[in-house]
N, C-alpha and C. Protein backbone atom coordinates (compact mmCIF):
# COMPACT_ATOMS: atom_id res chain seq x y z
N UNK A 1 33.55 2.85 14.04
CA UNK A 1 32.38 2.01 14.15
C UNK A 1 31.47 2.55 15.24
N UNK A 2 30.20 2.54 15.01
CA UNK A 2 29.22 3.05 15.96
C UNK A 2 28.92 1.98 17.01
N UNK A 3 28.95 2.35 18.28
CA UNK A 3 28.73 1.39 19.37
C UNK A 3 27.28 1.28 19.80
N UNK A 4 26.38 2.03 19.15
CA UNK A 4 24.98 1.96 19.53
C UNK A 4 24.39 0.64 19.08
N UNK A 5 23.51 0.04 19.90
CA UNK A 5 22.90 -1.22 19.50
C UNK A 5 21.96 -1.02 18.31
N UNK A 6 21.91 -1.99 17.45
CA UNK A 6 21.06 -1.94 16.27
C UNK A 6 19.86 -2.84 16.51
N UNK A 7 18.67 -2.29 16.33
CA UNK A 7 17.45 -3.04 16.52
C UNK A 7 17.02 -3.59 15.17
N UNK A 8 16.96 -4.88 15.06
CA UNK A 8 16.51 -5.54 13.85
C UNK A 8 15.25 -6.31 14.16
N UNK A 9 14.36 -6.40 13.22
CA UNK A 9 13.14 -7.16 13.44
C UNK A 9 12.40 -7.35 12.14
N UNK A 10 11.35 -8.10 12.23
CA UNK A 10 10.54 -8.43 11.08
C UNK A 10 9.10 -8.13 11.41
N UNK A 11 8.43 -7.35 10.59
CA UNK A 11 7.02 -7.09 10.76
C UNK A 11 6.27 -8.05 9.86
N UNK A 12 5.45 -8.85 10.45
CA UNK A 12 4.67 -9.83 9.69
C UNK A 12 3.41 -9.13 9.20
N UNK A 13 3.07 -9.33 7.93
CA UNK A 13 1.97 -8.60 7.31
C UNK A 13 0.64 -8.73 8.03
N UNK A 14 0.40 -9.84 8.69
CA UNK A 14 -0.88 -10.02 9.37
C UNK A 14 -0.98 -9.21 10.66
N UNK A 15 0.15 -8.76 11.20
CA UNK A 15 0.15 -8.02 12.44
C UNK A 15 0.30 -6.53 12.15
N UNK A 16 -0.21 -5.73 13.06
CA UNK A 16 -0.09 -4.29 12.92
C UNK A 16 0.58 -3.71 14.16
N UNK A 17 1.06 -2.50 14.02
CA UNK A 17 1.73 -1.81 15.11
C UNK A 17 0.87 -0.67 15.63
N UNK A 18 0.94 -0.43 16.93
CA UNK A 18 0.30 0.75 17.50
C UNK A 18 1.18 1.96 17.20
N UNK A 19 0.69 3.13 17.51
CA UNK A 19 1.47 4.35 17.29
C UNK A 19 2.76 4.33 18.11
N UNK A 20 2.66 3.86 19.34
CA UNK A 20 3.84 3.78 20.20
C UNK A 20 4.85 2.76 19.66
N UNK A 21 4.37 1.63 19.18
CA UNK A 21 5.26 0.62 18.60
C UNK A 21 5.92 1.12 17.33
N UNK A 22 5.16 1.84 16.51
CA UNK A 22 5.71 2.43 15.29
C UNK A 22 6.79 3.45 15.64
N UNK A 23 6.54 4.28 16.64
CA UNK A 23 7.52 5.27 17.06
C UNK A 23 8.80 4.59 17.53
N UNK A 24 8.66 3.53 18.30
CA UNK A 24 9.83 2.79 18.78
C UNK A 24 10.59 2.14 17.62
N UNK A 25 9.87 1.57 16.67
CA UNK A 25 10.50 0.90 15.53
C UNK A 25 11.25 1.90 14.64
N UNK A 26 10.81 3.15 14.63
CA UNK A 26 11.45 4.17 13.80
C UNK A 26 12.43 5.04 14.57
N UNK A 27 12.43 4.92 15.89
CA UNK A 27 13.34 5.72 16.70
C UNK A 27 12.93 7.18 16.79
N UNK A 28 11.63 7.44 16.77
CA UNK A 28 11.12 8.80 16.89
C UNK A 28 10.11 8.84 18.03
N UNK A 29 9.70 10.05 18.41
CA UNK A 29 8.67 10.14 19.44
C UNK A 29 7.29 10.19 18.78
N UNK A 30 6.27 9.97 19.58
CA UNK A 30 4.91 9.92 19.03
C UNK A 30 4.45 11.28 18.51
N UNK A 31 4.97 12.38 19.06
CA UNK A 31 4.60 13.71 18.55
C UNK A 31 5.05 13.87 17.10
N UNK A 32 6.25 13.37 16.78
CA UNK A 32 6.76 13.42 15.40
C UNK A 32 5.79 12.70 14.48
N UNK A 33 5.34 11.52 14.91
CA UNK A 33 4.40 10.75 14.09
C UNK A 33 3.05 11.44 13.98
N UNK A 34 2.54 11.97 15.10
CA UNK A 34 1.24 12.67 15.08
C UNK A 34 1.25 13.83 14.09
N UNK A 35 2.32 14.61 14.07
CA UNK A 35 2.40 15.74 13.16
C UNK A 35 2.29 15.29 11.71
N UNK A 36 3.01 14.25 11.35
CA UNK A 36 3.00 13.77 9.96
C UNK A 36 1.71 13.02 9.62
N UNK A 37 1.16 12.33 10.58
CA UNK A 37 -0.11 11.63 10.37
C UNK A 37 -1.24 12.64 10.15
N UNK A 38 -1.28 13.68 10.98
CA UNK A 38 -2.30 14.72 10.85
C UNK A 38 -2.14 15.52 9.56
N UNK A 39 -0.91 15.62 9.04
CA UNK A 39 -0.66 16.32 7.78
C UNK A 39 -0.98 15.44 6.58
N UNK A 40 -1.30 14.17 6.81
CA UNK A 40 -1.66 13.26 5.72
C UNK A 40 -0.46 12.70 4.96
N UNK A 41 0.72 12.70 5.58
CA UNK A 41 1.91 12.23 4.90
C UNK A 41 2.02 10.71 4.90
N UNK A 42 1.30 10.07 5.79
CA UNK A 42 1.12 8.62 5.79
C UNK A 42 -0.20 8.35 6.48
N UNK A 43 -0.68 7.14 6.41
CA UNK A 43 -1.98 6.85 6.99
C UNK A 43 -1.94 5.56 7.79
N UNK A 44 -2.94 5.39 8.62
CA UNK A 44 -3.05 4.15 9.37
C UNK A 44 -3.87 3.17 8.55
N UNK A 45 -3.63 1.90 8.75
CA UNK A 45 -4.37 0.90 7.97
C UNK A 45 -5.70 0.56 8.63
N UNK A 46 -5.78 0.66 9.95
CA UNK A 46 -7.04 0.42 10.68
C UNK A 46 -7.06 1.29 11.91
N UNK A 47 -8.22 1.39 12.52
CA UNK A 47 -8.33 2.05 13.81
C UNK A 47 -8.09 3.53 13.79
N UNK A 48 -9.01 4.28 13.28
CA UNK A 48 -8.89 5.74 13.26
C UNK A 48 -8.99 6.29 14.68
N UNK A 49 -8.53 7.51 14.87
CA UNK A 49 -8.71 8.21 16.14
C UNK A 49 -7.74 7.79 17.22
N UNK A 50 -8.28 7.30 18.33
CA UNK A 50 -7.47 7.04 19.51
C UNK A 50 -6.57 5.82 19.39
N UNK A 51 -6.92 4.86 18.54
CA UNK A 51 -6.12 3.63 18.45
C UNK A 51 -5.78 3.28 17.00
N UNK A 52 -4.96 4.12 16.34
CA UNK A 52 -4.58 3.78 14.96
C UNK A 52 -3.62 2.61 14.95
N UNK A 53 -3.69 1.81 13.90
CA UNK A 53 -2.80 0.66 13.72
C UNK A 53 -2.11 0.81 12.37
N UNK A 54 -0.86 0.34 12.32
CA UNK A 54 -0.04 0.53 11.14
C UNK A 54 0.55 -0.80 10.69
N UNK A 55 0.53 -1.02 9.39
CA UNK A 55 1.07 -2.26 8.83
C UNK A 55 2.47 -2.04 8.30
N UNK A 56 3.03 -3.07 7.76
CA UNK A 56 4.40 -3.06 7.25
C UNK A 56 4.66 -1.97 6.20
N UNK A 57 3.77 -1.75 5.22
CA UNK A 57 4.03 -0.67 4.25
C UNK A 57 4.12 0.71 4.89
N UNK A 58 3.29 0.97 5.90
CA UNK A 58 3.36 2.26 6.58
C UNK A 58 4.66 2.40 7.36
N UNK A 59 5.12 1.33 7.98
CA UNK A 59 6.41 1.35 8.67
C UNK A 59 7.52 1.69 7.69
N UNK A 60 7.51 1.05 6.55
CA UNK A 60 8.53 1.30 5.53
C UNK A 60 8.47 2.75 5.05
N UNK A 61 7.25 3.27 4.84
CA UNK A 61 7.08 4.66 4.37
C UNK A 61 7.58 5.65 5.41
N UNK A 62 7.23 5.44 6.66
CA UNK A 62 7.66 6.35 7.72
C UNK A 62 9.18 6.35 7.84
N UNK A 63 9.79 5.18 7.75
CA UNK A 63 11.26 5.11 7.83
C UNK A 63 11.91 5.85 6.67
N UNK A 64 11.31 5.77 5.49
CA UNK A 64 11.85 6.50 4.34
C UNK A 64 11.71 8.00 4.52
N UNK A 65 10.55 8.43 4.99
CA UNK A 65 10.33 9.86 5.24
C UNK A 65 11.34 10.37 6.26
N UNK A 66 11.52 9.63 7.32
CA UNK A 66 12.48 10.01 8.35
C UNK A 66 13.89 10.12 7.78
N UNK A 67 14.29 9.15 6.98
CA UNK A 67 15.64 9.15 6.40
C UNK A 67 15.85 10.35 5.48
N UNK A 68 14.86 10.68 4.68
CA UNK A 68 14.99 11.81 3.75
C UNK A 68 15.03 13.12 4.53
N UNK A 69 14.17 13.25 5.54
CA UNK A 69 14.21 14.46 6.36
C UNK A 69 15.57 14.63 7.02
N UNK A 70 16.09 13.56 7.56
CA UNK A 70 17.36 13.61 8.29
C UNK A 70 18.55 13.81 7.34
N UNK A 71 18.63 12.99 6.29
CA UNK A 71 19.79 13.01 5.41
C UNK A 71 19.89 14.25 4.54
N UNK A 72 18.74 14.80 4.13
CA UNK A 72 18.75 15.94 3.22
C UNK A 72 18.21 17.22 3.86
N UNK A 73 17.94 17.16 5.16
CA UNK A 73 17.40 18.30 5.89
C UNK A 73 16.15 18.83 5.18
N UNK A 74 15.31 17.90 4.75
CA UNK A 74 14.09 18.24 4.01
C UNK A 74 12.93 18.47 4.97
N UNK A 75 12.00 19.31 4.56
CA UNK A 75 10.80 19.46 5.37
C UNK A 75 9.92 18.23 5.17
N UNK A 76 8.98 17.96 6.06
CA UNK A 76 8.17 16.74 5.99
C UNK A 76 7.41 16.57 4.67
N UNK A 77 6.86 17.65 4.14
CA UNK A 77 6.08 17.54 2.90
C UNK A 77 6.96 17.15 1.72
N UNK A 78 8.14 17.73 1.64
CA UNK A 78 9.06 17.38 0.56
C UNK A 78 9.51 15.93 0.69
N UNK A 79 9.81 15.51 1.91
CA UNK A 79 10.23 14.12 2.14
C UNK A 79 9.13 13.15 1.72
N UNK A 80 7.89 13.45 2.05
CA UNK A 80 6.77 12.58 1.67
C UNK A 80 6.60 12.56 0.15
N UNK A 81 6.80 13.71 -0.51
CA UNK A 81 6.70 13.77 -1.96
C UNK A 81 7.77 12.89 -2.62
N UNK A 82 8.99 12.94 -2.10
CA UNK A 82 10.06 12.10 -2.63
C UNK A 82 9.72 10.63 -2.44
N UNK A 83 9.17 10.28 -1.29
CA UNK A 83 8.77 8.90 -1.04
C UNK A 83 7.64 8.49 -2.00
N UNK A 84 6.71 9.39 -2.27
CA UNK A 84 5.66 9.11 -3.27
C UNK A 84 6.28 8.76 -4.62
N UNK A 85 7.27 9.55 -5.04
CA UNK A 85 7.93 9.29 -6.32
C UNK A 85 8.66 7.96 -6.33
N UNK A 86 9.33 7.64 -5.24
CA UNK A 86 10.03 6.35 -5.14
C UNK A 86 9.04 5.20 -5.23
N UNK A 87 7.91 5.32 -4.53
CA UNK A 87 6.90 4.26 -4.56
C UNK A 87 6.30 4.10 -5.96
N UNK A 88 6.08 5.21 -6.66
CA UNK A 88 5.57 5.13 -8.04
C UNK A 88 6.57 4.46 -8.97
N UNK A 89 7.84 4.79 -8.82
CA UNK A 89 8.87 4.14 -9.64
C UNK A 89 8.91 2.64 -9.40
N UNK A 90 8.77 2.25 -8.16
CA UNK A 90 8.79 0.82 -7.85
C UNK A 90 7.60 0.09 -8.48
N UNK A 91 6.45 0.75 -8.54
CA UNK A 91 5.27 0.15 -9.16
C UNK A 91 5.45 0.00 -10.67
N UNK A 92 6.15 0.97 -11.28
CA UNK A 92 6.31 0.98 -12.73
C UNK A 92 7.40 0.03 -13.23
N UNK A 93 8.37 -0.26 -12.40
CA UNK A 93 9.44 -1.15 -12.81
C UNK A 93 8.93 -2.57 -12.92
N UNK A 94 9.36 -3.26 -13.97
CA UNK A 94 8.92 -4.67 -14.12
C UNK A 94 9.57 -5.54 -13.04
N UNK A 95 8.80 -6.46 -12.54
CA UNK A 95 9.30 -7.38 -11.51
C UNK A 95 10.02 -8.55 -12.21
N UNK A 96 11.18 -8.96 -11.68
CA UNK A 96 11.93 -10.07 -12.31
C UNK A 96 11.24 -11.41 -12.14
């Protein structure tokens, strides 16, 4: 069993996260996020430039990209492409 503390939380759709908050929520540094943001692998919902803000869907996307990069040793572009495919499949599946 892993003894590291697990951070759980809920992002409410009306609130957004700063770049630093997003990095903390994903367990990465801001440089990791800047590289992928500048490459267009995810986007901010508001506040271009110095104060980007991120909503719940972006948090979910970044966490998926991170998991694919880590679990499959994938490069960032491939990880984002896989996440694109997953998101498309979810849109196409009928909702119960």
